[in-house]
Amino acid sequence: MVRTESTMLAVGTPAPPFVLRDAEGETVSLEDVSGGQGLLVAFICNHCPFVKHLRDELARFGRECQERGVRVVAISSNNPESHPDDAPERMAEEKREAGYTFPYLFDGEQEVAKAYRAACTPDFYLFDADLRLYYRGRFDGSTPKNNQPITGADLRNAVDCLLNGDPPPDPQYPSIGCNIKWKPGNEPDYFQGG
């Protein structure tokens, strides 16, 4: 299990556009999921132990965000040839089992991950109502086997600050997880190996 950190895309960056298929085969664009008080984009996958570790709390947090007017979308960019558990046909099953109430999209060409400079799963990006990056980084300080409770404290605080009209939280800490499983030859310049 290679531990990879977020690239920490610059706060204020506009949300890169996307048009991807969701777990049920429907096309979903950035415009389709914007229009709320904010937008949380989460790069996740099915197999990663770091994602599995916080899966239940992420599902709960996603529902909380939606109730508060913050839209949520999850994207899987892993190569299903090397990691068949992350194949699109498995995503609908994972969405049901996890209780995700937000769209779960497949980035088969991995271009969306590159546009966001996503490096690991999970990797979180919170945008304001104008789709400018407000927070990026970790869910909280909990990782598999570090015995810290899964609270979503960092991301919850960021959503609270956003909805209260406060400046972005500082400091912001990178997420740590498994590296995105890039297709051979498709690794971005920021890829840390593994």
N, C-alpha and C. Protein backbone atom coordinates (compact mmCIF):
# COMPACT_ATOMS: atom_id res chain seq x y z
N MET A 1 0.85 -1.18 0.00
CA MET A 1 0.00 0.00 0.00
C MET A 1 0.89 1.24 0.00
N VAL A 2 0.96 1.94 -1.13
CA VAL A 2 1.77 3.14 -1.25
C VAL A 2 0.97 4.33 -0.74
N ARG A 3 1.55 5.07 0.19
CA ARG A 3 0.88 6.25 0.74
C ARG A 3 1.25 7.45 -0.13
N THR A 4 0.23 8.07 -0.70
CA THR A 4 0.42 9.21 -1.60
C THR A 4 -0.34 10.39 -1.03
N GLU A 5 0.24 11.59 -1.15
CA GLU A 5 -0.42 12.81 -0.66
C GLU A 5 -1.05 13.58 -1.80
N SER A 6 -2.08 14.39 -1.44
CA SER A 6 -2.69 15.33 -2.38
C SER A 6 -1.64 16.28 -2.93
N THR A 7 -1.88 16.79 -4.12
CA THR A 7 -0.99 17.80 -4.71
C THR A 7 -1.26 19.18 -4.16
N MET A 8 -2.43 19.37 -3.53
CA MET A 8 -2.82 20.65 -2.93
C MET A 8 -2.90 21.75 -3.99
N LEU A 9 -3.78 21.51 -4.96
CA LEU A 9 -4.11 22.50 -5.99
C LEU A 9 -4.38 23.85 -5.33
N ALA A 10 -3.99 24.95 -5.99
CA ALA A 10 -4.08 26.28 -5.38
C ALA A 10 -5.53 26.67 -5.07
N VAL A 11 -5.75 27.16 -3.84
CA VAL A 11 -7.05 27.71 -3.46
C VAL A 11 -7.37 28.85 -4.43
N GLY A 12 -8.64 28.93 -4.85
CA GLY A 12 -9.06 29.94 -5.83
C GLY A 12 -9.11 29.43 -7.25
N THR A 13 -8.54 28.24 -7.50
CA THR A 13 -8.56 27.66 -8.84
C THR A 13 -10.01 27.37 -9.27
N PRO A 14 -10.40 27.74 -10.49
CA PRO A 14 -11.74 27.40 -10.96
C PRO A 14 -11.90 25.88 -11.12
N ALA A 15 -13.09 25.37 -10.87
CA ALA A 15 -13.34 23.93 -11.02
C ALA A 15 -13.18 23.53 -12.49
N PRO A 16 -12.29 22.59 -12.79
CA PRO A 16 -12.17 22.13 -14.16
C PRO A 16 -13.46 21.44 -14.61
N PRO A 17 -13.92 21.72 -15.82
CA PRO A 17 -15.15 21.09 -16.30
C PRO A 17 -14.97 19.60 -16.56
N PHE A 18 -16.08 18.87 -16.57
CA PHE A 18 -16.05 17.45 -16.91
C PHE A 18 -17.40 17.04 -17.45
N VAL A 19 -17.39 15.99 -18.23
CA VAL A 19 -18.59 15.29 -18.68
C VAL A 19 -18.23 13.81 -18.60
N LEU A 20 -18.84 13.10 -17.66
CA LEU A 20 -18.51 11.70 -17.41
C LEU A 20 -19.79 10.89 -17.24
N ARG A 21 -19.67 9.57 -17.34
CA ARG A 21 -20.80 8.68 -17.08
C ARG A 21 -20.81 8.29 -15.61
N ASP A 22 -22.03 8.20 -15.05
CA ASP A 22 -22.13 7.78 -13.66
C ASP A 22 -22.26 6.26 -13.56
N ALA A 23 -22.38 5.78 -12.32
CA ALA A 23 -22.43 4.34 -12.07
C ALA A 23 -23.61 3.67 -12.75
N GLU A 24 -24.66 4.45 -13.07
CA GLU A 24 -25.84 3.90 -13.73
C GLU A 24 -25.81 4.12 -15.25
N GLY A 25 -24.73 4.72 -15.76
CA GLY A 25 -24.60 4.91 -17.21
C GLY A 25 -25.10 6.24 -17.73
N GLU A 26 -25.57 7.12 -16.84
CA GLU A 26 -26.06 8.44 -17.25
C GLU A 26 -24.89 9.42 -17.37
N THR A 27 -25.00 10.36 -18.29
CA THR A 27 -23.97 11.39 -18.46
C THR A 27 -24.20 12.51 -17.46
N VAL A 28 -23.13 12.91 -16.77
CA VAL A 28 -23.19 13.95 -15.76
C VAL A 28 -22.05 14.94 -16.03
N SER A 29 -22.38 16.23 -16.02
CA SER A 29 -21.38 17.26 -16.26
C SER A 29 -21.18 18.10 -15.00
N LEU A 30 -20.15 18.93 -15.02
CA LEU A 30 -19.94 19.86 -13.91
C LEU A 30 -21.17 20.75 -13.73
N GLU A 31 -21.76 21.20 -14.83
CA GLU A 31 -22.96 22.05 -14.76
C GLU A 31 -24.12 21.33 -14.09
N ASP A 32 -24.21 20.02 -14.31
CA ASP A 32 -25.30 19.24 -13.71
C ASP A 32 -25.21 19.20 -12.18
N VAL A 33 -24.00 19.23 -11.65
CA VAL A 33 -23.82 19.09 -10.20
C VAL A 33 -23.51 20.42 -9.51
N SER A 34 -23.46 21.51 -10.25
CA SER A 34 -23.20 22.81 -9.64
C SER A 34 -24.53 23.51 -9.36
N GLY A 35 -24.47 24.73 -8.83
CA GLY A 35 -25.68 25.49 -8.58
C GLY A 35 -26.12 25.51 -7.13
N GLY A 36 -25.36 24.88 -6.25
CA GLY A 36 -25.71 24.90 -4.84
C GLY A 36 -24.89 25.96 -4.10
N GLN A 37 -24.83 25.79 -2.79
CA GLN A 37 -24.02 26.69 -1.94
C GLN A 37 -22.53 26.41 -2.11
N GLY A 38 -22.22 25.28 -2.68
CA GLY A 38 -20.85 24.84 -2.91
C GLY A 38 -20.89 23.49 -3.59
N LEU A 39 -19.73 22.98 -3.92
CA LEU A 39 -19.63 21.67 -4.58
C LEU A 39 -18.42 20.93 -4.02
N LEU A 40 -18.65 19.73 -3.53
CA LEU A 40 -17.58 18.86 -3.09
C LEU A 40 -17.32 17.82 -4.17
N VAL A 41 -16.08 17.78 -4.67
CA VAL A 41 -15.65 16.76 -5.63
C VAL A 41 -14.70 15.83 -4.89
N ALA A 42 -15.06 14.54 -4.83
CA ALA A 42 -14.26 13.56 -4.12
C ALA A 42 -13.74 12.52 -5.10
N PHE A 43 -12.43 12.37 -5.20
CA PHE A 43 -11.84 11.30 -6.00
C PHE A 43 -11.70 10.09 -5.08
N ILE A 44 -12.45 9.04 -5.40
CA ILE A 44 -12.47 7.83 -4.58
C ILE A 44 -12.36 6.63 -5.52
N CYS A 45 -12.45 5.44 -4.97
CA CYS A 45 -12.54 4.22 -5.78
C CYS A 45 -13.15 3.14 -4.90
N ASN A 46 -13.33 1.97 -5.45
CA ASN A 46 -13.95 0.88 -4.70
C ASN A 46 -12.98 0.13 -3.80
N HIS A 47 -11.74 -0.09 -4.27
CA HIS A 47 -10.88 -1.06 -3.60
C HIS A 47 -9.95 -0.48 -2.55
N CYS A 48 -9.69 0.81 -2.58
CA CYS A 48 -8.64 1.42 -1.75
C CYS A 48 -8.94 1.30 -0.26
N PRO A 49 -8.00 0.78 0.54
CA PRO A 49 -8.24 0.67 1.98
C PRO A 49 -8.46 2.01 2.67
N PHE A 50 -7.88 3.08 2.14
CA PHE A 50 -8.07 4.41 2.73
C PHE A 50 -9.51 4.89 2.51
N VAL A 51 -10.08 4.58 1.34
CA VAL A 51 -11.47 4.94 1.07
C VAL A 51 -12.40 4.05 1.88
N LYS A 52 -12.13 2.75 1.90
CA LYS A 52 -12.97 1.82 2.68
C LYS A 52 -13.01 2.23 4.15
N HIS A 53 -11.89 2.73 4.64
CA HIS A 53 -11.76 3.15 6.04
C HIS A 53 -12.80 4.21 6.41
N LEU A 54 -13.07 5.14 5.51
CA LEU A 54 -14.00 6.24 5.84
C LEU A 54 -15.30 6.18 5.05
N ARG A 55 -15.54 5.07 4.37
CA ARG A 55 -16.69 4.95 3.47
C ARG A 55 -18.01 5.29 4.15
N ASP A 56 -18.28 4.72 5.31
CA ASP A 56 -19.57 4.95 5.97
C ASP A 56 -19.72 6.41 6.37
N GLU A 57 -18.65 6.99 6.90
CA GLU A 57 -18.71 8.39 7.33
C GLU A 57 -18.80 9.31 6.11
N LEU A 58 -18.16 8.94 5.01
CA LEU A 58 -18.26 9.74 3.79
C LEU A 58 -19.70 9.73 3.27
N ALA A 59 -20.36 8.58 3.32
CA ALA A 59 -21.75 8.51 2.88
C ALA A 59 -22.63 9.40 3.76
N ARG A 60 -22.41 9.35 5.07
CA ARG A 60 -23.17 10.18 6.01
C ARG A 60 -22.89 11.67 5.76
N PHE A 61 -21.62 12.00 5.59
CA PHE A 61 -21.23 13.39 5.35
C PHE A 61 -21.81 13.90 4.03
N GLY A 62 -21.83 13.05 3.01
CA GLY A 62 -22.42 13.44 1.74
C GLY A 62 -23.88 13.81 1.89
N ARG A 63 -24.63 13.05 2.68
CA ARG A 63 -26.04 13.36 2.92
C ARG A 63 -26.17 14.68 3.68
N GLU A 64 -25.31 14.90 4.67
CA GLU A 64 -25.33 16.16 5.42
C GLU A 64 -25.09 17.35 4.49
N CYS A 65 -24.10 17.22 3.63
CA CYS A 65 -23.79 18.31 2.68
C CYS A 65 -25.00 18.61 1.82
N GLN A 66 -25.60 17.57 1.27
CA GLN A 66 -26.75 17.76 0.38
C GLN A 66 -27.89 18.44 1.11
N GLU A 67 -28.12 18.07 2.38
CA GLU A 67 -29.17 18.70 3.18
C GLU A 67 -28.89 20.18 3.42
N ARG A 68 -27.60 20.54 3.42
CA ARG A 68 -27.20 21.93 3.69
C ARG A 68 -27.01 22.75 2.41
N GLY A 69 -27.29 22.15 1.26
CA GLY A 69 -27.21 22.88 0.00
C GLY A 69 -25.88 22.79 -0.70
N VAL A 70 -24.99 21.94 -0.21
CA VAL A 70 -23.69 21.71 -0.87
C VAL A 70 -23.83 20.45 -1.72
N ARG A 71 -23.59 20.60 -3.01
CA ARG A 71 -23.67 19.45 -3.91
C ARG A 71 -22.43 18.57 -3.72
N VAL A 72 -22.55 17.30 -4.06
CA VAL A 72 -21.47 16.34 -3.91
C VAL A 72 -21.41 15.47 -5.15
N VAL A 73 -20.19 15.18 -5.61
CA VAL A 73 -19.98 14.23 -6.69
C VAL A 73 -18.69 13.47 -6.40
N ALA A 74 -18.70 12.18 -6.67
CA ALA A 74 -17.50 11.36 -6.52
C ALA A 74 -17.05 10.88 -7.89
N ILE A 75 -15.75 10.75 -8.05
CA ILE A 75 -15.16 10.34 -9.33
C ILE A 75 -14.13 9.26 -9.07
N SER A 76 -14.19 8.18 -9.85
CA SER A 76 -13.15 7.15 -9.83
C SER A 76 -12.37 7.24 -11.13
N SER A 77 -11.06 7.37 -10.99
CA SER A 77 -10.19 7.51 -12.16
C SER A 77 -9.23 6.34 -12.32
N ASN A 78 -9.38 5.31 -11.48
CA ASN A 78 -8.44 4.19 -11.53
C ASN A 78 -8.58 3.38 -12.82
N ASN A 79 -7.47 2.78 -13.21
CA ASN A 79 -7.41 1.91 -14.39
C ASN A 79 -8.05 0.57 -14.05
N PRO A 80 -9.22 0.25 -14.63
CA PRO A 80 -9.88 -1.01 -14.28
C PRO A 80 -9.18 -2.24 -14.85
N GLU A 81 -8.27 -2.03 -15.80
CA GLU A 81 -7.54 -3.19 -16.32
C GLU A 81 -6.58 -3.75 -15.28
N SER A 82 -5.94 -2.85 -14.53
CA SER A 82 -5.03 -3.31 -13.47
C SER A 82 -5.77 -3.53 -12.15
N HIS A 83 -6.93 -2.86 -11.99
CA HIS A 83 -7.69 -2.96 -10.74
C HIS A 83 -9.17 -3.19 -11.08
N PRO A 84 -9.53 -4.44 -11.42
CA PRO A 84 -10.89 -4.74 -11.88
C PRO A 84 -11.98 -4.44 -10.86
N ASP A 85 -11.65 -4.37 -9.57
CA ASP A 85 -12.66 -3.99 -8.57
C ASP A 85 -13.16 -2.57 -8.79
N ASP A 86 -12.40 -1.76 -9.52
CA ASP A 86 -12.77 -0.37 -9.77
C ASP A 86 -13.44 -0.17 -11.13
N ALA A 87 -13.78 -1.27 -11.79
CA ALA A 87 -14.43 -1.18 -13.10
C ALA A 87 -15.81 -0.55 -12.97
N PRO A 88 -16.28 0.14 -14.03
CA PRO A 88 -17.58 0.82 -13.98
C PRO A 88 -18.73 -0.08 -13.54
N GLU A 89 -18.72 -1.34 -13.99
CA GLU A 89 -19.84 -2.22 -13.63
C GLU A 89 -19.87 -2.54 -12.13
N ARG A 90 -18.76 -2.34 -11.42
CA ARG A 90 -18.72 -2.57 -9.98
C ARG A 90 -19.10 -1.31 -9.19
N MET A 91 -19.10 -0.17 -9.87
CA MET A 91 -19.34 1.10 -9.17
C MET A 91 -20.78 1.25 -8.69
N ALA A 92 -21.74 0.79 -9.50
CA ALA A 92 -23.15 0.88 -9.09
C ALA A 92 -23.38 0.04 -7.83
N GLU A 93 -22.75 -1.13 -7.78
CA GLU A 93 -22.85 -2.01 -6.61
C GLU A 93 -22.23 -1.33 -5.39
N GLU A 94 -21.06 -0.72 -5.58
CA GLU A 94 -20.40 -0.03 -4.47
C GLU A 94 -21.23 1.15 -3.99
N LYS A 95 -21.82 1.90 -4.91
CA LYS A 95 -22.64 3.05 -4.54
C LYS A 95 -23.81 2.60 -3.66
N ARG A 96 -24.46 1.51 -4.03
CA ARG A 96 -25.58 0.96 -3.25
C ARG A 96 -25.11 0.51 -1.87
N GLU A 97 -24.04 -0.29 -1.85
CA GLU A 97 -23.56 -0.86 -0.59
C GLU A 97 -23.08 0.22 0.37
N ALA A 98 -22.43 1.26 -0.17
CA ALA A 98 -21.90 2.33 0.67
C ALA A 98 -22.99 3.29 1.13
N GLY A 99 -24.10 3.34 0.39
CA GLY A 99 -25.16 4.28 0.71
C GLY A 99 -24.88 5.69 0.21
N TYR A 100 -24.09 5.79 -0.87
CA TYR A 100 -23.81 7.09 -1.46
C TYR A 100 -25.08 7.63 -2.12
N THR A 101 -25.44 8.87 -1.80
CA THR A 101 -26.63 9.49 -2.38
C THR A 101 -26.25 10.52 -3.44
N PHE A 102 -24.98 10.55 -3.80
CA PHE A 102 -24.47 11.49 -4.79
C PHE A 102 -23.98 10.74 -6.02
N PRO A 103 -23.85 11.40 -7.16
CA PRO A 103 -23.37 10.72 -8.36
C PRO A 103 -21.95 10.18 -8.16
N TYR A 104 -21.70 9.01 -8.72
CA TYR A 104 -20.39 8.35 -8.66
C TYR A 104 -19.98 8.13 -10.11
N LEU A 105 -18.99 8.91 -10.58
CA LEU A 105 -18.65 8.97 -11.99
C LEU A 105 -17.35 8.23 -12.30
N PHE A 106 -17.26 7.75 -13.54
CA PHE A 106 -16.06 7.03 -13.98
C PHE A 106 -15.28 7.88 -14.98
N ASP A 107 -14.03 8.13 -14.64
CA ASP A 107 -13.11 8.94 -15.46
C ASP A 107 -12.18 7.98 -16.21
N GLY A 108 -12.71 7.30 -17.21
CA GLY A 108 -11.95 6.27 -17.91
C GLY A 108 -10.71 6.76 -18.62
N GLU A 109 -10.74 7.98 -19.12
CA GLU A 109 -9.56 8.52 -19.82
C GLU A 109 -8.58 9.17 -18.84
N GLN A 110 -8.97 9.31 -17.59
CA GLN A 110 -8.14 9.88 -16.52
C GLN A 110 -7.80 11.35 -16.74
N GLU A 111 -8.48 11.99 -17.68
CA GLU A 111 -8.19 13.41 -17.97
C GLU A 111 -8.76 14.33 -16.89
N VAL A 112 -9.86 13.94 -16.27
CA VAL A 112 -10.45 14.76 -15.22
C VAL A 112 -9.54 14.75 -13.99
N ALA A 113 -9.03 13.58 -13.63
CA ALA A 113 -8.09 13.50 -12.51
C ALA A 113 -6.89 14.41 -12.76
N LYS A 114 -6.39 14.38 -13.98
CA LYS A 114 -5.24 15.24 -14.31
C LYS A 114 -5.61 16.72 -14.21
N ALA A 115 -6.81 17.08 -14.68
CA ALA A 115 -7.23 18.48 -14.64
C ALA A 115 -7.32 18.99 -13.20
N TYR A 116 -7.71 18.10 -12.28
CA TYR A 116 -7.81 18.47 -10.87
C TYR A 116 -6.48 18.23 -10.13
N ARG A 117 -5.51 17.66 -10.81
CA ARG A 117 -4.24 17.26 -10.21
C ARG A 117 -4.49 16.30 -9.03
N ALA A 118 -5.51 15.46 -9.21
CA ALA A 118 -5.80 14.45 -8.20
C ALA A 118 -4.66 13.43 -8.18
N ALA A 119 -4.26 13.05 -6.99
CA ALA A 119 -3.11 12.15 -6.86
C ALA A 119 -3.44 10.86 -6.12
N CYS A 120 -4.46 10.92 -5.24
CA CYS A 120 -4.70 9.77 -4.38
C CYS A 120 -6.20 9.57 -4.18
N THR A 121 -6.52 8.41 -3.59
CA THR A 121 -7.88 8.16 -3.16
C THR A 121 -7.84 7.90 -1.66
N PRO A 122 -8.62 8.67 -0.90
CA PRO A 122 -9.51 9.75 -1.32
C PRO A 122 -8.76 11.07 -1.50
N ASP A 123 -9.29 11.93 -2.34
CA ASP A 123 -8.75 13.28 -2.55
C ASP A 123 -9.96 14.20 -2.66
N PHE A 124 -10.02 15.23 -1.82
CA PHE A 124 -11.23 16.06 -1.69
C PHE A 124 -10.99 17.50 -2.15
N TYR A 125 -11.97 18.04 -2.89
CA TYR A 125 -11.93 19.42 -3.40
C TYR A 125 -13.28 20.07 -3.11
N LEU A 126 -13.27 21.11 -2.30
CA LEU A 126 -14.50 21.84 -1.99
C LEU A 126 -14.47 23.19 -2.69
N PHE A 127 -15.45 23.42 -3.54
CA PHE A 127 -15.56 24.66 -4.30
C PHE A 127 -16.70 25.50 -3.74
N ASP A 128 -16.55 26.82 -3.85
CA ASP A 128 -17.62 27.71 -3.40
C ASP A 128 -18.73 27.78 -4.45
N ALA A 129 -19.72 28.61 -4.21
CA ALA A 129 -20.87 28.71 -5.12
C ALA A 129 -20.47 29.21 -6.50
N ASP A 130 -19.33 29.91 -6.59
CA ASP A 130 -18.80 30.39 -7.88
C ASP A 130 -17.84 29.40 -8.50
N LEU A 131 -17.76 28.19 -7.91
CA LEU A 131 -16.90 27.11 -8.39
C LEU A 131 -15.42 27.49 -8.36
N ARG A 132 -15.03 28.22 -7.31
CA ARG A 132 -13.62 28.51 -7.03
C ARG A 132 -13.19 27.63 -5.87
N LEU A 133 -11.99 27.04 -5.97
CA LEU A 133 -11.53 26.11 -4.95
C LEU A 133 -11.38 26.82 -3.60
N TYR A 134 -12.03 26.27 -2.60
CA TYR A 134 -12.06 26.84 -1.26
C TYR A 134 -11.24 26.00 -0.28
N TYR A 135 -11.29 24.69 -0.47
CA TYR A 135 -10.57 23.77 0.41
C TYR A 135 -10.16 22.56 -0.41
N ARG A 136 -8.98 22.05 -0.12
CA ARG A 136 -8.56 20.77 -0.69
C ARG A 136 -7.71 20.08 0.34
N GLY A 137 -7.82 18.77 0.38
CA GLY A 137 -7.05 18.02 1.36
C GLY A 137 -7.83 16.90 2.00
N ARG A 138 -7.53 16.69 3.26
CA ARG A 138 -8.00 15.48 3.93
C ARG A 138 -9.41 15.61 4.51
N PHE A 139 -10.01 14.45 4.71
CA PHE A 139 -11.30 14.33 5.38
C PHE A 139 -11.12 14.64 6.87
N ASP A 140 -10.10 14.00 7.44
CA ASP A 140 -9.70 14.22 8.84
C ASP A 140 -8.34 13.54 9.01
N GLY A 141 -7.88 13.47 10.24
CA GLY A 141 -6.56 12.89 10.49
C GLY A 141 -6.53 11.38 10.60
N SER A 142 -7.66 10.72 10.42
CA SER A 142 -7.74 9.27 10.57
C SER A 142 -7.29 8.56 9.30
N THR A 143 -6.46 7.54 9.46
CA THR A 143 -6.09 6.65 8.36
C THR A 143 -6.16 5.22 8.90
N PRO A 144 -6.18 4.23 8.01
CA PRO A 144 -6.22 2.86 8.51
C PRO A 144 -5.07 2.61 9.50
N LYS A 145 -5.39 2.06 10.61
CA LYS A 145 -4.44 1.61 11.63
C LYS A 145 -3.79 2.72 12.46
N ASN A 146 -4.21 4.00 12.32
CA ASN A 146 -3.60 5.01 13.20
C ASN A 146 -4.44 5.27 14.44
N ASN A 147 -5.57 4.56 14.56
CA ASN A 147 -6.41 4.60 15.77
C ASN A 147 -7.01 5.97 16.06
N GLN A 148 -7.04 6.87 15.09
CA GLN A 148 -7.75 8.14 15.28
C GLN A 148 -9.19 7.96 14.82
N PRO A 149 -10.15 8.56 15.51
CA PRO A 149 -11.55 8.40 15.12
C PRO A 149 -11.83 9.06 13.77
N ILE A 150 -12.77 8.45 13.05
CA ILE A 150 -13.19 8.99 11.75
C ILE A 150 -14.30 9.99 12.02
N THR A 151 -14.00 11.28 11.87
CA THR A 151 -14.96 12.33 12.20
C THR A 151 -15.27 13.23 11.01
N GLY A 152 -14.38 13.26 10.02
CA GLY A 152 -14.53 14.21 8.92
C GLY A 152 -14.29 15.64 9.38
N ALA A 153 -13.56 15.82 10.50
CA ALA A 153 -13.43 17.13 11.14
C ALA A 153 -12.89 18.21 10.19
N ASP A 154 -11.86 17.90 9.42
CA ASP A 154 -11.27 18.93 8.55
C ASP A 154 -12.25 19.37 7.47
N LEU A 155 -12.86 18.41 6.81
CA LEU A 155 -13.77 18.74 5.72
C LEU A 155 -15.08 19.34 6.26
N ARG A 156 -15.55 18.84 7.40
CA ARG A 156 -16.75 19.43 8.03
C ARG A 156 -16.50 20.89 8.39
N ASN A 157 -15.32 21.18 8.96
CA ASN A 157 -14.98 22.55 9.32
C ASN A 157 -14.95 23.42 8.08
N ALA A 158 -14.40 22.90 6.99
CA ALA A 158 -14.33 23.67 5.74
C ALA A 158 -15.72 24.01 5.23
N VAL A 159 -16.63 23.04 5.27
CA VAL A 159 -18.01 23.29 4.82
C VAL A 159 -18.68 24.32 5.73
N ASP A 160 -18.46 24.19 7.04
CA ASP A 160 -19.02 25.18 7.97
C ASP A 160 -18.52 26.58 7.64
N CYS A 161 -17.20 26.70 7.45
CA CYS A 161 -16.60 28.01 7.13
C CYS A 161 -17.17 28.57 5.83
N LEU A 162 -17.29 27.72 4.83
CA LEU A 162 -17.83 28.14 3.54
C LEU A 162 -19.25 28.67 3.70
N LEU A 163 -20.09 27.91 4.39
CA LEU A 163 -21.49 28.30 4.53
C LEU A 163 -21.67 29.52 5.44
N ASN A 164 -20.69 29.76 6.32
CA ASN A 164 -20.74 30.93 7.19
C ASN A 164 -20.16 32.18 6.52
N GLY A 165 -19.61 32.02 5.30
CA GLY A 165 -19.01 33.15 4.61
C GLY A 165 -17.64 33.53 5.13
N ASP A 166 -16.98 32.60 5.82
CA ASP A 166 -15.65 32.86 6.37
C ASP A 166 -14.56 32.61 5.33
N PRO A 167 -13.34 33.12 5.57
CA PRO A 167 -12.22 32.80 4.69
C PRO A 167 -11.92 31.30 4.74
N PRO A 168 -11.24 30.77 3.73
CA PRO A 168 -10.89 29.34 3.75
C PRO A 168 -10.07 28.99 4.99
N PRO A 169 -10.27 27.81 5.55
CA PRO A 169 -9.50 27.39 6.72
C PRO A 169 -8.00 27.39 6.41
N ASP A 170 -7.21 27.68 7.41
CA ASP A 170 -5.75 27.68 7.27
C ASP A 170 -5.18 27.24 8.61
N PRO A 171 -4.33 26.20 8.62
CA PRO A 171 -3.79 25.48 7.47
C PRO A 171 -4.77 24.44 6.93
N GLN A 172 -4.46 23.96 5.73
CA GLN A 172 -5.16 22.84 5.12
C GLN A 172 -4.14 21.73 4.92
N TYR A 173 -4.50 20.52 5.32
CA TYR A 173 -3.56 19.40 5.27
C TYR A 173 -3.89 18.47 4.11
N PRO A 174 -2.87 17.93 3.43
CA PRO A 174 -3.14 17.04 2.31
C PRO A 174 -3.82 15.76 2.75
N SER A 175 -4.63 15.24 1.85
CA SER A 175 -5.18 13.91 2.04
C SER A 175 -4.05 12.91 1.82
N ILE A 176 -4.17 11.75 2.45
CA ILE A 176 -3.21 10.67 2.24
C ILE A 176 -4.01 9.44 1.87
N GLY A 177 -3.58 8.76 0.82
CA GLY A 177 -4.29 7.56 0.39
C GLY A 177 -3.47 6.77 -0.59
N CYS A 178 -4.12 5.87 -1.31
CA CYS A 178 -3.47 5.11 -2.37
C CYS A 178 -3.34 6.01 -3.59
N ASN A 179 -2.24 5.85 -4.32
CA ASN A 179 -2.11 6.64 -5.55
C ASN A 179 -3.17 6.21 -6.56
N ILE A 180 -3.60 7.16 -7.37
CA ILE A 180 -4.50 6.82 -8.48
C ILE A 180 -3.77 5.83 -9.38
N LYS A 181 -4.48 4.80 -9.81
CA LYS A 181 -3.88 3.75 -10.64
C LYS A 181 -3.93 4.17 -12.11
N TRP A 182 -2.86 4.82 -12.53
CA TRP A 182 -2.79 5.36 -13.88
C TRP A 182 -2.58 4.26 -14.91
N LYS A 183 -3.13 4.46 -16.09
CA LYS A 183 -2.86 3.55 -17.19
C LYS A 183 -1.39 3.68 -17.56
N PRO A 184 -0.74 2.59 -17.96
CA PRO A 184 0.68 2.66 -18.32
C PRO A 184 0.92 3.73 -19.39
N GLY A 185 1.87 4.61 -19.11
CA GLY A 185 2.19 5.69 -20.04
C GLY A 185 1.32 6.92 -19.89
N ASN A 186 0.32 6.86 -19.01
CA ASN A 186 -0.60 7.98 -18.83
C ASN A 186 -0.34 8.75 -17.52
N GLU A 187 0.73 8.40 -16.82
CA GLU A 187 1.02 9.03 -15.54
C GLU A 187 1.29 10.52 -15.73
N PRO A 188 0.72 11.37 -14.87
CA PRO A 188 0.96 12.81 -14.99
C PRO A 188 2.33 13.20 -14.43
N ASP A 189 2.73 14.44 -14.68
CA ASP A 189 4.04 14.90 -14.24
C ASP A 189 4.18 14.93 -12.72
N TYR A 190 3.06 14.97 -11.99
CA TYR A 190 3.12 15.03 -10.54
C TYR A 190 3.05 13.64 -9.88
N PHE A 191 2.99 12.58 -10.69
CA PHE A 191 2.87 11.22 -10.17
C PHE A 191 4.09 10.89 -9.29
N GLN A 192 3.81 10.36 -8.08
CA GLN A 192 4.88 10.08 -7.12
C GLN A 192 5.40 8.65 -7.19
N GLY A 193 4.92 7.88 -8.13
CA GLY A 193 5.39 6.51 -8.27
C GLY A 193 4.65 5.55 -7.36
N GLY A 194 4.85 4.25 -7.62
CA GLY A 194 4.23 3.24 -6.75
C GLY A 194 3.25 2.37 -7.49
